[in-house]
Amino acid sequence: MVAPSSAASKKLPRLEPERARFKQLLLANPNYFGNLPDSPWKAVKKASANTRYEELGCIGYEPAKDLLEATVQIQLAYGYGGGLCSAGSKEFVRFYVDSGGGWQDAGVAGFDAHDLAATVDINFSGGGNFLR
């Protein structure tokens, strides 16, 4: 267990509207972040390759086990819906694999993330539990 530090008790920076109201923005405009190139909806704020909150680190695939794994590096100590005693936020990663015949959807994995003191260094590694 990590003891709270003085950094944990400080007020966290304000979230940008796109992080705080993510679901509402997508409900109002499914292409808000510009991920649907053929959509009639106009993109408002491009978010492709945005690594402000999290970033994929190492990614590996083991064909014999049909197992795809990745590490997610959490970049900020805030922006995840609350601390360890809260629901936090559900984060998702969708994977695509090109084995020579074009990009194929390899599934999606999810994990729970929480706001933590900036002095805590935590690495998450997971994989294999994909929704297909």
Protein backbone atom coordinates (compact mmCIF):
# COMPACT_ATOMS: atom_id res chain seq x y z
CA MET A 1 0.00 0.00 0.00
CA VAL A 2 1.28 3.45 -0.90
CA ALA A 3 1.07 6.12 1.79
CA PRO A 4 -0.47 9.40 0.62
CA SER A 5 2.10 12.10 0.04
CA SER A 6 1.77 15.85 0.14
CA ALA A 7 1.65 15.73 -3.69
CA ALA A 8 -1.49 13.54 -3.48
CA SER A 9 -3.34 16.12 -1.40
CA LYS A 10 -2.68 18.96 -3.87
CA LYS A 11 -5.44 19.98 -6.24
CA LEU A 12 -5.08 18.25 -9.60
CA PRO A 13 -5.07 20.24 -12.85
CA ARG A 14 -8.39 20.79 -14.61
CA LEU A 15 -9.30 18.27 -17.29
CA GLU A 16 -9.83 19.46 -20.82
CA PRO A 17 -13.47 19.15 -22.00
CA GLU A 18 -12.60 16.31 -24.39
CA ARG A 19 -11.44 14.14 -21.48
CA ALA A 20 -14.10 15.18 -18.98
CA ARG A 21 -17.04 14.85 -21.42
CA PHE A 22 -15.75 12.16 -23.79
CA LYS A 23 -18.96 10.10 -24.02
CA GLN A 24 -21.25 13.11 -24.37
CA LEU A 25 -19.13 14.52 -27.19
CA LEU A 26 -19.21 11.21 -29.08
CA LEU A 27 -22.96 10.88 -28.59
CA ALA A 28 -23.47 14.34 -30.10
CA ASN A 29 -20.96 13.75 -32.94
CA PRO A 30 -19.67 10.20 -33.58
CA ASN A 31 -16.74 11.68 -35.53
CA TYR A 32 -15.83 14.34 -32.94
CA PHE A 33 -12.23 13.08 -32.78
CA GLY A 34 -11.86 12.46 -36.53
CA ASN A 35 -11.57 8.67 -36.35
CA LEU A 36 -14.19 8.07 -39.06
CA PRO A 37 -12.70 9.34 -42.34
CA ASP A 38 -15.81 8.58 -44.46
CA SER A 39 -18.27 10.04 -41.96
CA PRO A 40 -20.68 12.84 -42.91
CA TRP A 41 -19.96 14.29 -39.43
CA LYS A 42 -17.20 16.90 -39.34
CA ALA A 43 -14.24 16.24 -37.02
CA VAL A 44 -13.92 18.83 -34.25
CA LYS A 45 -10.61 17.85 -32.65
CA LYS A 46 -8.27 15.26 -34.15
CA ALA A 47 -7.08 12.82 -31.49
CA SER A 48 -5.16 10.24 -33.51
CA ALA A 49 -1.79 9.42 -31.93
CA ASN A 50 -2.53 11.56 -28.83
CA THR A 51 -0.35 10.15 -26.03
CA ARG A 52 -1.04 12.81 -23.40
CA TYR A 53 -2.75 10.37 -20.98
CA GLU A 54 -1.48 6.96 -22.00
CA GLU A 55 0.83 5.40 -24.57
CA LEU A 56 1.43 1.87 -25.81
CA GLY A 57 4.89 0.64 -24.90
CA CYS A 58 5.99 -2.84 -25.87
CA ILE A 59 3.66 -4.90 -28.08
CA GLY A 60 4.15 -8.58 -28.82
CA TYR A 61 2.29 -11.40 -30.56
CA GLU A 62 2.76 -15.13 -30.01
CA PRO A 63 1.09 -16.94 -32.95
CA ALA A 64 1.30 -20.43 -31.38
CA LYS A 65 -0.91 -19.26 -28.50
CA ASP A 66 -2.86 -16.66 -30.52
CA LEU A 67 -1.79 -14.23 -27.79
CA LEU A 68 -1.31 -10.50 -28.27
CA GLU A 69 0.12 -8.53 -25.33
CA ALA A 70 0.97 -4.90 -24.75
CA THR A 71 2.12 -2.59 -21.99
CA VAL A 72 0.31 0.69 -21.43
CA GLN A 73 2.30 3.55 -19.95
CA ILE A 74 0.11 5.92 -17.94
CA GLN A 75 1.48 9.42 -18.54
CA LEU A 76 -0.47 11.54 -16.03
CA ALA A 77 -1.48 11.10 -12.39
CA TYR A 78 -4.98 12.47 -13.06
CA GLY A 79 -7.77 12.31 -15.61
CA TYR A 80 -8.99 8.79 -14.88
CA GLY A 81 -12.20 9.43 -12.95
CA GLY A 82 -10.95 9.22 -9.37
CA GLY A 83 -8.59 7.42 -6.99
CA LEU A 84 -8.29 3.75 -6.09
CA CYS A 85 -11.49 3.74 -4.01
CA SER A 86 -13.55 5.04 -6.95
CA ALA A 87 -14.70 3.37 -10.15
CA GLY A 88 -11.91 5.13 -12.05
CA SER A 89 -12.20 4.99 -15.82
CA LYS A 90 -12.28 2.10 -18.28
CA GLU A 91 -9.56 2.45 -20.91
CA PHE A 92 -9.56 0.47 -24.15
CA VAL A 93 -6.96 -0.44 -26.76
CA ARG A 94 -7.96 -1.86 -30.18
CA PHE A 95 -5.33 -3.82 -32.06
CA TYR A 96 -4.84 -4.28 -35.80
CA VAL A 97 -2.38 -6.75 -37.34
CA ASP A 98 -0.99 -6.82 -40.88
CA SER A 99 0.38 -10.25 -41.80
CA GLY A 100 0.88 -9.28 -45.40
CA GLY A 101 -2.74 -9.22 -46.53
CA GLY A 102 -3.74 -5.83 -45.16
CA TRP A 103 -4.81 -4.67 -41.71
CA GLN A 104 -7.07 -7.06 -39.79
CA ASP A 105 -8.91 -6.28 -36.56
CA ALA A 106 -7.21 -8.34 -33.82
CA GLY A 107 -9.59 -7.34 -31.03
CA VAL A 108 -9.83 -4.97 -28.14
CA ALA A 109 -8.59 -5.12 -24.54
CA GLY A 110 -9.56 -2.95 -21.60
CA PHE A 111 -8.33 -2.08 -18.15
CA ASP A 112 -9.34 0.16 -15.25
CA ALA A 113 -7.24 3.26 -14.59
CA HIS A 114 -7.27 5.53 -11.53
CA ASP A 115 -5.90 8.89 -10.45
CA LEU A 116 -2.78 8.38 -8.33
CA ALA A 117 -0.21 10.59 -6.66
CA ALA A 118 2.43 11.77 -9.12
CA THR A 119 5.12 10.17 -6.95
CA VAL A 120 3.78 6.64 -7.54
CA ASP A 121 5.40 4.74 -10.43
CA ILE A 122 3.13 1.97 -11.71
CA ASN A 123 3.43 -0.07 -14.90
CA PHE A 124 0.52 -2.14 -16.21
CA SER A 125 1.07 -5.13 -18.44
CA GLY A 126 -1.77 -7.21 -19.76
CA GLY A 127 -3.16 -8.95 -22.76
CA GLY A 128 -4.96 -11.95 -24.07
CA ASN A 129 -8.47 -10.96 -22.96
CA PHE A 130 -9.82 -9.62 -26.19
CA LEU A 131 -13.41 -9.04 -27.21
CA ARG A 132 -14.00 -10.34 -30.71
